[in-house]
Amino acid sequence: MPAVDSCSAPWNQHKHKDNMSKVHIVTDSNAFLRPEVAERYNIKVLPQRLKVGGAYFEESEALDVDEMFVKVQEIQAGGAKQMPVVQPPDLNTVLDCYQSFGHEAEQIVSIHMSGELSPTWKVARQAAELLKGRYTIRVIDSLSTSYGLGLLVEKAAQVAAEGASVSEIARFVNGAIPHLYVTSFSESLNYLERSAQISPSQSILGAMLGIKAMIIMEEGQLMALEKVQTHEEVVDKLYEFISEFAGLEEIGIFQHQYEDVQETLIERLKEDTRIASIPLHRLPYAPSLAAYLGPNTMGVVVYEGLY
């Protein structure tokens, strides 16, 4: 992967140009950002890490979720019940990132993956405290993930480019957070024992019956809502979820081993005249989200807009 002028080589970003904004935007590698957006606004990305057994892997294009799941299976085959663990960049990495702007900007808004799923937000706050007096840094817990986080970052960068202050950008982002919604279905109930409080007995029975758990994100936490058994039900439930929003602005869909189901859902959305014109994005499956939902999953991220 080519070198980038960033805190690290993020898994979904390419080389970028300087941005003239007085306020700079930082996020982490869970965020889905289109390359041209990261380039246009000079967004810097902190690399999270995944701990799989005793090994650590930086979240980047080099970390393939299929390979991660294979490593987990190998570990579990040996008798251990360890799951992937999302690890933050170390404190010095965050400090270096914030200070890498030099004299370009001493004002930073740093927006991160839900603090319920990743400790990166906490480490970023520690770094901001250590730089207090030299930099004005506002650290924001997105309470979201993947495309939801990426949308907040993009919108923050747009507002910053228009000349908004740190406080104005933070106020805008905090106002947008409640308008983001994430839901998914996962077959990997053993992963959901940890992330969505599904009991071991429910997990075992669900796996035997081929149950897929519907997971929603509430205040940054993953919560089990209901269960279905067929792919047709998955499409029905996700379509119903999306179609309930009157002011849709953006839709993102991620999946793992659900390609056909994803295409069925997309075709159904295109047939709905109320939804067909809404921007729809096929998203990569971020390893830091896969650590919680596991393999064999599909989900959507919806932004209903502020108005």
Protein backbone atom coordinates (compact mmCIF):
# COMPACT_ATOMS: atom_id res chain seq x y z
CA MET A 1 0.00 0.00 0.00
CA PRO A 2 1.44 3.40 -0.87
CA ALA A 3 2.58 5.72 1.87
CA VAL A 4 0.10 8.35 2.98
CA ASP A 5 0.48 11.67 4.72
CA SER A 6 -1.55 10.52 7.70
CA CYS A 7 -1.29 9.13 11.23
CA SER A 8 -1.08 5.72 9.60
CA ALA A 9 -2.02 4.00 6.36
CA PRO A 10 -5.76 3.55 7.00
CA TRP A 11 -7.65 0.58 5.55
CA ASN A 12 -9.93 2.73 3.39
CA GLN A 13 -7.98 5.89 2.57
CA HIS A 14 -5.48 6.98 -0.07
CA LYS A 15 -3.03 9.85 -0.22
CA HIS A 16 -4.58 13.23 0.43
CA LYS A 17 -3.87 16.90 -0.18
CA ASP A 18 -3.64 19.75 2.29
CA ASN A 19 -6.88 21.28 3.47
CA MET A 20 -7.07 24.99 4.16
CA SER A 21 -9.48 24.64 7.06
CA LYS A 22 -8.37 26.08 10.39
CA VAL A 23 -9.82 23.05 12.18
CA HIS A 24 -8.51 19.59 11.35
CA ILE A 25 -10.50 16.36 11.58
CA VAL A 26 -9.20 13.07 13.00
CA THR A 27 -10.96 9.71 13.17
CA ASP A 28 -10.05 6.04 13.50
CA SER A 29 -9.80 3.11 11.12
CA ASN A 30 -13.33 1.88 11.83
CA ALA A 31 -14.71 4.80 9.80
CA PHE A 32 -15.76 4.20 6.23
CA LEU A 33 -14.47 7.13 4.20
CA ARG A 34 -14.48 7.41 0.45
CA PRO A 35 -10.89 8.04 -0.72
CA GLU A 36 -11.76 11.32 -2.41
CA VAL A 37 -13.33 12.63 0.81
CA ALA A 38 -10.28 11.80 2.92
CA GLU A 39 -8.08 13.39 0.27
CA ARG A 40 -10.14 16.54 -0.16
CA TYR A 41 -10.36 17.36 3.54
CA ASN A 42 -6.99 16.05 4.75
CA ILE A 43 -8.64 13.76 7.29
CA LYS A 44 -6.19 11.82 9.43
CA VAL A 45 -6.98 8.29 10.57
CA LEU A 46 -5.73 6.61 13.73
CA PRO A 47 -5.09 2.89 13.24
CA GLN A 48 -6.93 0.61 15.64
CA ARG A 49 -5.59 -2.86 16.31
CA LEU A 50 -7.22 -6.27 16.57
CA LYS A 51 -5.94 -8.74 19.14
CA VAL A 52 -6.50 -12.30 17.97
CA GLY A 53 -5.15 -14.76 20.50
CA GLY A 54 -1.67 -13.53 21.35
CA ALA A 55 -1.18 -11.71 18.05
CA TYR A 56 -1.93 -8.08 17.19
CA PHE A 57 -2.98 -6.85 13.75
CA GLU A 58 -3.31 -3.24 12.66
CA GLU A 59 -6.69 -2.44 11.13
CA SER A 60 -5.76 -1.72 7.54
CA GLU A 61 -6.31 -3.00 4.03
CA ALA A 62 -3.87 -5.78 4.87
CA LEU A 63 -6.19 -7.16 7.57
CA ASP A 64 -8.75 -9.35 5.84
CA VAL A 65 -11.81 -10.29 7.89
CA ASP A 66 -11.86 -13.82 6.43
CA GLU A 67 -8.29 -14.36 7.58
CA MET A 68 -9.20 -12.98 11.00
CA PHE A 69 -12.09 -15.43 11.33
CA VAL A 70 -9.84 -18.32 10.27
CA LYS A 71 -7.35 -17.36 13.01
CA VAL A 72 -10.17 -17.27 15.56
CA GLN A 73 -11.34 -20.74 14.47
CA GLU A 74 -7.79 -22.08 14.80
CA ILE A 75 -7.54 -20.70 18.32
CA GLN A 76 -10.92 -22.09 19.32
CA ALA A 77 -10.07 -25.48 17.80
CA GLY A 78 -7.21 -25.58 20.28
CA GLY A 79 -9.65 -25.29 23.17
CA ALA A 80 -9.55 -21.55 23.79
CA LYS A 81 -12.74 -19.47 23.54
CA GLN A 82 -11.04 -16.21 22.74
CA MET A 83 -12.70 -13.68 20.43
CA PRO A 84 -11.06 -10.81 18.55
CA VAL A 85 -10.55 -7.77 20.77
CA VAL A 86 -10.48 -4.20 19.46
CA GLN A 87 -7.43 -2.37 20.80
CA PRO A 88 -6.79 1.38 20.56
CA PRO A 89 -3.63 2.92 19.12
CA ASP A 90 -1.22 3.60 21.95
CA LEU A 91 -1.23 7.00 23.59
CA ASN A 92 2.00 8.15 21.92
CA THR A 93 0.57 7.35 18.49
CA VAL A 94 -2.43 9.57 19.21
CA LEU A 95 -0.22 12.35 20.58
CA ASP A 96 2.01 12.17 17.51
CA CYS A 97 -1.03 12.33 15.26
CA TYR A 98 -2.44 15.43 16.92
CA GLN A 99 0.96 17.13 16.92
CA SER A 100 1.68 16.16 13.30
CA PHE A 101 -0.40 19.11 12.13
CA GLY A 102 2.38 21.38 13.44
CA HIS A 103 1.65 25.05 12.89
CA GLU A 104 -1.01 24.26 10.27
CA ALA A 105 -3.67 24.05 12.94
CA GLU A 106 -3.91 23.91 16.70
CA GLN A 107 -7.63 23.15 16.57
CA ILE A 108 -8.77 19.55 16.13
CA VAL A 109 -12.06 17.65 16.23
CA SER A 110 -11.47 13.94 16.81
CA ILE A 111 -14.45 11.63 16.13
CA HIS A 112 -14.32 7.93 16.95
CA MET A 113 -16.03 4.54 16.90
CA SER A 114 -18.58 4.00 19.65
CA GLY A 115 -16.88 4.05 23.04
CA GLU A 116 -18.99 1.00 23.97
CA LEU A 117 -17.16 -1.01 21.31
CA SER A 118 -13.70 0.56 21.18
CA PRO A 119 -11.41 2.18 23.76
CA THR A 120 -9.94 4.53 21.14
CA TRP A 121 -12.23 7.37 22.23
CA LYS A 122 -10.85 7.16 25.79
CA VAL A 123 -7.24 7.18 24.63
CA ALA A 124 -7.98 10.15 22.39
CA ARG A 125 -9.39 12.03 25.38
CA GLN A 126 -6.26 11.29 27.38
CA ALA A 127 -4.11 12.66 24.58
CA ALA A 128 -6.30 15.77 24.32
CA GLU A 129 -5.90 16.42 28.05
CA LEU A 130 -2.12 16.12 27.80
CA LEU A 131 -2.07 18.70 25.00
CA LYS A 132 -4.45 21.06 26.73
CA GLY A 133 -3.15 24.62 26.57
CA ARG A 134 -1.27 23.98 23.33
CA TYR A 135 -4.11 22.60 21.22
CA THR A 136 -7.87 22.96 21.30
CA ILE A 137 -9.09 19.41 20.79
CA ARG A 138 -12.68 18.22 21.02
CA VAL A 139 -13.01 14.42 21.21
CA ILE A 140 -16.43 13.03 20.24
CA ASP A 141 -17.86 9.56 20.79
CA SER A 142 -19.88 8.91 17.62
CA LEU A 143 -22.02 6.23 19.32
CA SER A 144 -21.86 4.66 15.85
CA THR A 145 -19.68 2.60 13.55
CA SER A 146 -18.57 2.09 9.93
CA TYR A 147 -20.57 4.28 7.55
CA GLY A 148 -22.26 6.08 10.44
CA LEU A 149 -18.91 7.18 11.81
CA GLY A 150 -17.65 8.00 8.33
CA LEU A 151 -20.67 10.22 7.62
CA LEU A 152 -20.11 12.21 10.81
CA VAL A 153 -16.44 12.66 9.91
CA GLU A 154 -17.25 13.77 6.35
CA LYS A 155 -19.88 16.24 7.52
CA ALA A 156 -17.54 17.60 10.20
CA ALA A 157 -14.86 18.11 7.54
CA GLN A 158 -17.33 19.93 5.28
CA VAL A 159 -18.37 22.27 8.08
CA ALA A 160 -14.72 22.85 9.02
CA ALA A 161 -13.89 23.73 5.40
CA GLU A 162 -16.63 26.37 5.53
CA GLY A 163 -14.79 28.05 8.41
CA ALA A 164 -16.67 26.72 11.45
CA SER A 165 -14.97 26.76 14.85
CA VAL A 166 -14.23 23.70 16.99
CA SER A 167 -17.32 24.38 19.12
CA GLU A 168 -19.55 24.85 16.08
CA ILE A 169 -18.32 21.62 14.50
CA ALA A 170 -18.78 19.68 17.74
CA ARG A 171 -22.30 21.06 18.13
CA PHE A 172 -23.15 20.07 14.55
CA VAL A 173 -21.77 16.54 14.97
CA ASN A 174 -23.51 15.99 18.30
CA GLY A 175 -26.74 17.12 16.66
CA ALA A 176 -26.30 14.64 13.80
CA ILE A 177 -25.52 11.60 15.99
CA PRO A 178 -29.15 10.91 17.00
CA HIS A 179 -30.10 10.80 13.32
CA LEU A 180 -27.89 7.77 12.61
CA TYR A 181 -29.31 4.26 12.90
CA VAL A 182 -27.56 0.89 12.64
CA THR A 183 -29.12 -2.55 12.54
CA SER A 184 -27.85 -5.95 11.41
CA PHE A 185 -28.52 -9.67 11.37
CA SER A 186 -25.86 -12.15 12.42
CA GLU A 187 -25.67 -15.94 12.40
CA SER A 188 -22.64 -15.90 14.72
CA LEU A 189 -24.46 -16.05 18.03
CA ASN A 190 -21.29 -17.04 19.87
CA TYR A 191 -19.89 -13.61 19.00
CA LEU A 192 -23.10 -12.00 20.20
CA GLU A 193 -22.80 -13.59 23.64
CA ARG A 194 -20.16 -10.96 24.37
CA SER A 195 -21.31 -8.02 22.27
CA ALA A 196 -25.12 -8.17 22.53
CA GLN A 197 -25.70 -10.03 25.79
CA ILE A 198 -27.11 -13.22 24.23
CA SER A 199 -26.87 -16.04 26.77
CA PRO A 200 -24.77 -19.16 26.04
CA SER A 201 -27.91 -21.33 26.08
CA GLN A 202 -29.62 -19.04 23.56
CA SER A 203 -26.50 -19.11 21.43
CA ILE A 204 -26.33 -22.92 21.38
CA LEU A 205 -30.04 -23.34 20.67
CA GLY A 206 -30.00 -20.59 18.06
CA ALA A 207 -27.07 -22.17 16.23
CA MET A 208 -28.89 -25.53 16.19
CA LEU A 209 -32.04 -23.93 14.74
CA GLY A 210 -30.23 -21.73 12.22
CA ILE A 211 -31.44 -18.56 13.90
CA LYS A 212 -30.22 -15.14 12.84
CA ALA A 213 -30.31 -12.48 15.53
CA MET A 214 -31.41 -8.93 14.73
CA ILE A 215 -29.05 -6.45 16.40
CA ILE A 216 -29.66 -2.74 16.79
CA MET A 217 -27.29 -0.07 18.05
CA GLU A 218 -28.67 2.02 20.92
CA GLU A 219 -26.54 4.72 22.52
CA GLY A 220 -23.48 3.03 21.04
CA GLN A 221 -24.32 -0.42 22.42
CA LEU A 222 -25.31 -3.52 20.45
CA MET A 223 -28.62 -4.99 21.59
CA ALA A 224 -30.46 -8.12 20.45
CA LEU A 225 -33.98 -7.20 19.29
CA GLU A 226 -35.54 -10.28 17.69
CA LYS A 227 -34.69 -13.44 15.79
CA VAL A 228 -35.50 -14.85 12.35
CA GLN A 229 -34.63 -18.06 10.55
CA THR A 230 -34.59 -17.39 6.80
CA HIS A 231 -32.79 -15.05 4.44
CA GLU A 232 -36.17 -13.88 3.17
CA GLU A 233 -37.03 -12.70 6.67
CA VAL A 234 -33.70 -10.85 6.87
CA VAL A 235 -34.54 -8.95 3.68
CA ASP A 236 -38.07 -8.23 4.89
CA LYS A 237 -36.93 -6.90 8.26
CA LEU A 238 -34.15 -4.71 6.84
CA TYR A 239 -36.46 -3.34 4.16
CA GLU A 240 -39.07 -2.53 6.81
CA PHE A 241 -36.43 -0.87 8.95
CA ILE A 242 -35.22 1.36 6.10
CA SER A 243 -38.66 2.20 4.74
CA GLU A 244 -39.86 3.53 8.11
CA PHE A 245 -37.75 6.68 7.75
CA ALA A 246 -39.51 9.61 6.12
CA GLY A 247 -36.42 11.81 5.65
CA LEU A 248 -33.81 9.37 4.39
CA GLU A 249 -30.56 10.93 3.13
CA GLU A 250 -28.06 8.07 3.00
CA ILE A 251 -28.07 4.26 3.19
CA GLY A 252 -25.06 2.00 3.69
CA ILE A 253 -25.13 -1.80 3.54
CA PHE A 254 -22.39 -4.11 4.79
CA GLN A 255 -22.29 -7.88 4.63
CA HIS A 256 -20.16 -10.98 5.04
CA GLN A 257 -21.11 -14.13 3.11
CA TYR A 258 -24.48 -12.52 2.36
CA GLU A 259 -23.84 -11.28 -1.19
CA ASP A 260 -27.03 -12.71 -2.70
CA VAL A 261 -29.15 -11.48 0.21
CA GLN A 262 -27.60 -8.03 -0.11
CA GLU A 263 -28.44 -7.86 -3.82
CA THR A 264 -32.01 -8.97 -3.13
CA LEU A 265 -32.41 -6.18 -0.58
CA ILE A 266 -30.90 -3.60 -2.94
CA GLU A 267 -33.22 -4.62 -5.77
CA ARG A 268 -36.20 -4.32 -3.45
CA LEU A 269 -35.10 -0.86 -2.34
CA LYS A 270 -34.69 0.22 -5.96
CA GLU A 271 -38.25 -0.86 -6.68
CA ASP A 272 -39.55 1.47 -3.98
CA THR A 273 -40.03 4.88 -5.59
CA ARG A 274 -39.65 6.62 -2.21
CA ILE A 275 -36.21 5.09 -1.70
CA ALA A 276 -34.80 4.50 -5.20
CA SER A 277 -33.25 7.99 -5.43
CA ILE A 278 -31.53 7.82 -2.02
CA PRO A 279 -27.73 7.33 -2.24
CA LEU A 280 -26.96 3.72 -1.39
CA HIS A 281 -23.44 2.46 -0.65
CA ARG A 282 -22.05 -1.06 -0.49
CA LEU A 283 -19.65 -0.98 2.43
CA PRO A 284 -16.55 -3.00 3.29
CA TYR A 285 -16.87 -4.97 6.52
CA ALA A 286 -14.59 -3.24 9.00
CA PRO A 287 -12.55 -5.73 11.08
CA SER A 288 -13.28 -3.70 14.23
CA LEU A 289 -17.01 -4.25 13.63
CA ALA A 290 -16.54 -7.85 12.54
CA ALA A 291 -14.92 -8.52 15.93
CA TYR A 292 -18.37 -8.01 17.48
CA LEU A 293 -20.80 -9.34 14.86
CA GLY A 294 -18.71 -12.25 13.58
CA PRO A 295 -18.97 -13.93 10.17
CA ASN A 296 -22.17 -14.47 8.17
CA THR A 297 -23.87 -11.16 8.73
CA MET A 298 -25.58 -8.28 6.97
CA GLY A 299 -26.50 -4.86 8.24
CA VAL A 300 -27.54 -1.36 7.27
CA VAL A 301 -26.60 2.13 8.39
CA VAL A 302 -29.22 4.81 7.84
CA TYR A 303 -28.90 8.59 8.08
CA GLU A 304 -32.25 10.33 8.18
CA GLY A 305 -30.90 13.86 7.95
CA LEU A 306 -31.32 16.83 10.25
CA TYR A 307 -34.38 18.31 8.57
